[in-house]
């Protein structure tokens, strides 16, 4: 199997070192080949440089993974990432469908995915009642609404970043694993995307919801929840490769202790 990974960092920071440890562990524990992709960042490189790089990497892998890495893409071809990386992985799933690229993506691994920039919310009034977290968590630690709005200068109606604006959501990968956190402004758009995959593509989705925690909480490795998040990555990858029970698992009652709360607010 083959997994293409895109790091997070809000399109403005990060590199292949950002997710290197998890990529290596996924490779070793799940016996699959992992391609860790770097891409150009804003503001030095304006949109759509990052998604163009991400898509170029996908096309190269689809054509060369078997000969370069002896990877059997028919046994699993996963695309995923964290935050902005999860956004690009999702955008690529739509582009692969529209451009009829083969072999097809078999699974999406989406950790705290950005799915719809806040400037685009007015374009989807039909989902207003499902998208409450942007207001509920607008002052959340690690990612607040004002900071989020400044991450990209892409047009608000651009589906290569606000991919939920795509008019149709069918013929997408048939398995998807989500990691979503309760105090995240982008919580509800991830839940919405999981629903759209189920309703329109017939996908099997597994969602792990980490209640009471903010965007990117696992940067604080002393938190027990951070270890659980890492372990769940392995379980989510197994689900994408082998199937299993889908649905949502709420990691309820997880609270941030005093030292972690102080650390979060000092960032």
Protein backbone atom coordinates (compact mmCIF):
# COMPACT_ATOMS: atom_id res chain seq x y z
CA UNK A 1 0.00 0.00 0.00
CA UNK A 2 0.99 3.62 -0.53
CA UNK A 3 0.23 6.74 1.52
CA UNK A 4 0.82 10.33 0.38
CA UNK A 5 1.10 12.66 3.38
CA UNK A 6 0.82 16.48 3.39
CA UNK A 7 2.01 18.34 6.50
CA UNK A 8 0.03 21.04 8.27
CA UNK A 9 0.97 24.60 9.15
CA UNK A 10 -1.84 26.75 7.79
CA UNK A 11 -0.21 27.00 4.34
CA UNK A 12 2.32 29.39 5.96
CA UNK A 13 4.70 27.13 7.90
CA UNK A 14 5.91 23.56 8.27
CA UNK A 15 7.98 21.21 6.14
CA UNK A 16 8.60 17.50 5.77
CA UNK A 17 10.12 17.41 9.26
CA UNK A 18 6.76 18.48 10.71
CA UNK A 19 5.18 15.06 10.28
CA UNK A 20 8.30 12.97 9.84
CA UNK A 21 7.98 10.97 13.07
CA UNK A 22 4.40 9.95 12.44
CA UNK A 23 5.15 9.11 8.81
CA UNK A 24 7.96 6.79 9.87
CA UNK A 25 5.82 5.12 12.52
CA UNK A 26 2.92 4.67 10.10
CA UNK A 27 5.32 3.11 7.62
CA UNK A 28 6.75 0.69 10.18
CA UNK A 29 3.57 -0.28 12.02
CA UNK A 30 1.20 -0.57 9.09
CA UNK A 31 3.70 -1.93 6.54
CA UNK A 32 3.06 0.65 3.88
CA UNK A 33 5.16 3.08 1.88
CA UNK A 34 4.75 6.73 2.90
CA UNK A 35 5.61 9.69 0.67
CA UNK A 36 6.04 12.82 2.82
CA UNK A 37 5.45 15.82 0.55
CA UNK A 38 6.84 19.34 0.93
CA UNK A 39 5.20 22.28 -0.83
CA UNK A 40 5.63 26.02 -1.28
CA UNK A 41 4.26 28.26 1.48
CA UNK A 42 2.50 31.59 1.65
CA UNK A 43 3.02 34.52 1.69
CA UNK A 44 6.22 34.00 -0.31
CA UNK A 45 4.32 31.83 -2.78
CA UNK A 46 0.73 32.88 -3.34
CA UNK A 47 -2.21 30.57 -3.89
CA UNK A 48 -2.42 28.23 -5.79
CA UNK A 49 1.29 27.33 -5.47
CA UNK A 50 0.78 24.91 -2.56
CA UNK A 51 -2.06 22.92 -4.08
CA UNK A 52 -0.27 22.84 -7.44
CA UNK A 53 2.77 21.29 -5.74
CA UNK A 54 0.57 18.84 -3.86
CA UNK A 55 -1.21 17.76 -7.03
CA UNK A 56 2.05 17.42 -8.96
CA UNK A 57 3.34 15.13 -6.21
CA UNK A 58 0.19 13.04 -6.44
CA UNK A 59 0.43 12.68 -10.21
CA UNK A 60 4.08 11.67 -9.93
CA UNK A 61 3.29 9.06 -7.28
CA UNK A 62 0.34 7.64 -9.20
CA UNK A 63 2.61 7.10 -12.19
CA UNK A 64 5.84 6.06 -10.47
CA UNK A 65 5.11 4.52 -7.05
CA UNK A 66 5.12 0.97 -8.34
CA UNK A 67 8.41 1.20 -10.23
CA UNK A 68 10.24 3.49 -7.77
CA UNK A 69 9.06 1.93 -4.49
CA UNK A 70 7.64 -1.45 -5.50
CA UNK A 71 4.32 -0.29 -4.04
CA UNK A 72 1.09 -2.07 -4.88
CA UNK A 73 -1.44 0.75 -5.17
CA UNK A 74 -4.26 -1.71 -5.78
CA UNK A 75 -3.88 -2.88 -2.18
CA UNK A 76 -4.34 0.65 -0.87
CA UNK A 77 -3.73 4.19 -2.12
CA UNK A 78 -4.26 6.65 0.73
CA UNK A 79 -3.98 10.42 0.64
CA UNK A 80 -4.05 12.47 3.83
CA UNK A 81 -2.57 15.04 6.12
CA UNK A 82 -3.10 17.39 9.02
CA UNK A 83 -5.07 20.66 8.97
CA UNK A 84 -4.06 22.50 5.76
CA UNK A 85 -2.46 19.25 4.62
CA UNK A 86 -5.78 17.47 5.11
CA UNK A 87 -7.37 20.26 3.10
CA UNK A 88 -5.05 19.64 0.16
CA UNK A 89 -5.55 15.88 0.37
CA UNK A 90 -9.30 16.45 0.10
CA UNK A 91 -8.95 18.91 -2.78
CA UNK A 92 -6.82 16.33 -4.59
CA UNK A 93 -9.57 13.73 -4.18
CA UNK A 94 -11.92 16.00 -6.13
CA UNK A 95 -9.28 16.80 -8.77
CA UNK A 96 -8.45 13.12 -9.24
CA UNK A 97 -12.12 12.37 -9.73
CA UNK A 98 -12.69 15.24 -12.16
CA UNK A 99 -9.53 14.51 -14.16
CA UNK A 100 -10.12 10.74 -14.14
CA UNK A 101 -6.65 9.99 -12.78
CA UNK A 102 -5.82 6.32 -12.20
CA UNK A 103 -5.29 4.38 -10.07
CA UNK A 104 -8.02 5.80 -7.84
CA UNK A 105 -7.54 6.94 -4.26
CA UNK A 106 -8.91 4.26 -1.94
CA UNK A 107 -8.87 6.18 1.34
CA UNK A 108 -8.58 9.62 2.93
CA UNK A 109 -6.86 10.25 6.27
CA UNK A 110 -7.97 13.68 7.45
CA UNK A 111 -6.78 15.07 10.76
CA UNK A 112 -8.47 18.37 11.72
CA UNK A 113 -9.29 19.17 8.08
CA UNK A 114 -9.94 22.70 6.84
CA UNK A 115 -12.85 22.31 4.44
CA UNK A 116 -14.44 25.72 3.95
CA UNK A 117 -12.78 29.06 4.57
CA UNK A 118 -14.90 31.32 6.81
CA UNK A 119 -15.17 33.91 4.03
CA UNK A 120 -17.10 31.29 2.01
CA UNK A 121 -19.76 30.48 4.60
CA UNK A 122 -22.27 32.88 3.06
CA UNK A 123 -22.07 30.88 -0.17
CA UNK A 124 -23.56 27.77 1.47
CA UNK A 125 -26.63 28.95 3.42
CA UNK A 126 -28.07 25.43 3.20
CA UNK A 127 -25.49 24.29 5.76
CA UNK A 128 -25.86 27.18 8.19
CA UNK A 129 -27.38 25.01 10.91
CA UNK A 130 -24.54 22.49 10.66
CA UNK A 131 -21.68 25.00 10.82
CA UNK A 132 -21.84 26.36 14.35
CA UNK A 133 -18.30 25.79 15.62
CA UNK A 134 -16.77 28.76 13.81
CA UNK A 135 -18.77 31.07 16.08
CA UNK A 136 -18.74 28.84 19.16
CA UNK A 137 -14.94 28.47 19.09
CA UNK A 138 -13.95 31.77 17.51
CA UNK A 139 -11.61 32.58 20.43
CA UNK A 140 -10.19 29.07 20.78
CA UNK A 141 -6.56 28.46 21.70
CA UNK A 142 -4.04 27.61 18.92
CA UNK A 143 -6.49 28.58 16.15
CA UNK A 144 -8.91 31.48 16.51
CA UNK A 145 -11.20 32.92 13.87
CA UNK A 146 -9.26 36.11 13.14
CA UNK A 147 -5.98 34.24 12.70
CA UNK A 148 -7.64 31.65 10.52
CA UNK A 149 -9.05 34.28 8.16
CA UNK A 150 -5.55 35.62 7.50
CA UNK A 151 -3.94 32.31 6.55
CA UNK A 152 -4.67 32.47 2.84
CA UNK A 153 -5.57 35.14 0.31
CA UNK A 154 -7.35 32.70 -1.98
CA UNK A 155 -10.67 33.92 -3.39
CA UNK A 156 -13.57 32.92 -1.11
CA UNK A 157 -15.32 31.04 -3.91
CA UNK A 158 -12.24 28.97 -4.84
CA UNK A 159 -13.01 25.21 -4.60
CA UNK A 160 -9.30 24.36 -4.62
CA UNK A 161 -9.26 25.51 -1.01
CA UNK A 162 -12.92 25.68 0.08
CA UNK A 163 -13.54 22.29 -1.46
CA UNK A 164 -17.04 21.90 0.00
CA UNK A 165 -18.07 24.43 -2.65
CA UNK A 166 -17.77 21.69 -5.27
CA UNK A 167 -21.24 21.23 -6.75
CA UNK A 168 -21.20 17.43 -6.44
CA UNK A 169 -19.73 15.11 -3.82
CA UNK A 170 -20.06 11.69 -5.41
CA UNK A 171 -17.41 9.29 -6.77
CA UNK A 172 -14.97 10.16 -3.99
CA UNK A 173 -12.84 7.65 -2.03
CA UNK A 174 -14.90 4.93 -0.41
CA UNK A 175 -13.21 5.06 2.99
CA UNK A 176 -12.28 8.07 5.10
CA UNK A 177 -10.84 8.47 8.57
CA UNK A 178 -11.28 11.77 10.44
CA UNK A 179 -9.71 13.20 13.58
CA UNK A 180 -11.77 16.18 14.79
CA UNK A 181 -11.47 18.19 18.00
CA UNK A 182 -14.27 19.72 20.03
CA UNK A 183 -12.88 23.22 20.64
CA UNK A 184 -11.78 23.78 17.04
CA UNK A 185 -13.39 26.53 14.92
CA UNK A 186 -13.28 24.11 11.96
CA UNK A 187 -14.84 21.19 13.86
CA UNK A 188 -18.22 21.26 12.12
CA UNK A 189 -16.95 21.50 8.56
CA UNK A 190 -15.03 18.26 9.10
CA UNK A 191 -18.19 16.60 10.41
CA UNK A 192 -20.10 17.97 7.42
CA UNK A 193 -17.57 16.55 4.96
CA UNK A 194 -17.81 13.14 6.63
CA UNK A 195 -21.59 13.27 6.19
CA UNK A 196 -21.34 14.30 2.54
CA UNK A 197 -18.98 11.42 1.83
CA UNK A 198 -21.43 8.99 3.39
CA UNK A 199 -24.55 10.46 1.79
CA UNK A 200 -23.29 11.08 -1.75
CA UNK A 201 -20.36 8.71 -2.28
CA UNK A 202 -21.56 5.88 -0.06
CA UNK A 203 -18.25 6.01 1.77
CA UNK A 204 -17.51 4.28 5.05
CA UNK A 205 -16.27 6.88 7.51
CA UNK A 206 -14.63 6.52 10.90
CA UNK A 207 -14.57 9.70 13.00
CA UNK A 208 -12.62 10.13 16.22
CA UNK A 209 -13.83 13.22 18.08
CA UNK A 210 -11.59 14.60 20.84
CA UNK A 211 -13.89 16.55 23.13
CA UNK A 212 -12.64 19.49 25.17
CA UNK A 213 -9.43 20.03 23.21
CA UNK A 214 -8.27 22.69 20.71
CA UNK A 215 -6.82 22.52 17.20
CA UNK A 216 -3.43 20.80 17.17
CA UNK A 217 -3.43 19.89 20.88
CA UNK A 218 -1.01 16.97 20.33
CA UNK A 219 1.88 19.40 20.04
CA UNK A 220 1.88 19.07 23.83
CA UNK A 221 3.14 15.52 24.04
CA UNK A 222 2.77 15.32 27.82
CA UNK A 223 -1.01 15.22 27.44
CA UNK A 224 -2.40 11.68 27.64
CA UNK A 225 -4.74 12.66 24.81
CA UNK A 226 -1.72 13.33 22.57
CA UNK A 227 -0.59 9.73 22.91
CA UNK A 228 -4.12 8.59 22.18
CA UNK A 229 -4.23 10.77 19.06
CA UNK A 230 -1.02 9.18 17.74
CA UNK A 231 -2.28 5.67 18.45
CA UNK A 232 -5.55 6.47 16.72
CA UNK A 233 -3.62 7.43 13.58
CA UNK A 234 -2.46 3.84 13.31
CA UNK A 235 -5.95 2.50 13.92
CA UNK A 236 -7.38 4.90 11.35
CA UNK A 237 -4.86 3.76 8.77
CA UNK A 238 -5.78 0.13 9.44
CA UNK A 239 -9.43 1.04 8.88
CA UNK A 240 -8.57 2.60 5.52
CA UNK A 241 -6.57 -0.43 4.44
CA UNK A 242 -8.61 -3.28 5.87
CA UNK A 243 -12.05 -1.93 6.66
CA UNK A 244 -13.80 -2.45 9.97
CA UNK A 245 -16.45 -0.77 12.06
CA UNK A 246 -17.27 2.75 10.93
CA UNK A 247 -19.14 5.52 12.75
CA UNK A 248 -18.09 8.09 15.35
CA UNK A 249 -16.14 7.53 18.55
CA UNK A 250 -16.22 10.46 20.97
CA UNK A 251 -13.21 10.68 23.24
CA UNK A 252 -15.37 12.40 25.82
CA UNK A 253 -14.46 14.07 29.06
CA UNK A 254 -10.87 14.86 28.11
CA UNK A 255 -9.87 18.06 29.87
CA UNK A 256 -6.72 20.16 29.63
CA UNK A 257 -4.88 20.44 32.93
CA UNK A 258 -3.61 23.76 34.28
CA UNK A 259 -0.05 23.60 32.96
CA UNK A 260 -1.25 22.78 29.44
CA UNK A 261 -3.83 25.57 29.48
CA UNK A 262 -1.16 28.08 30.49
CA UNK A 263 1.16 26.77 27.76
CA UNK A 264 -1.53 27.07 25.11
CA UNK A 265 -2.30 30.67 26.01
CA UNK A 266 1.36 31.66 25.97
CA UNK A 267 1.76 30.76 22.29
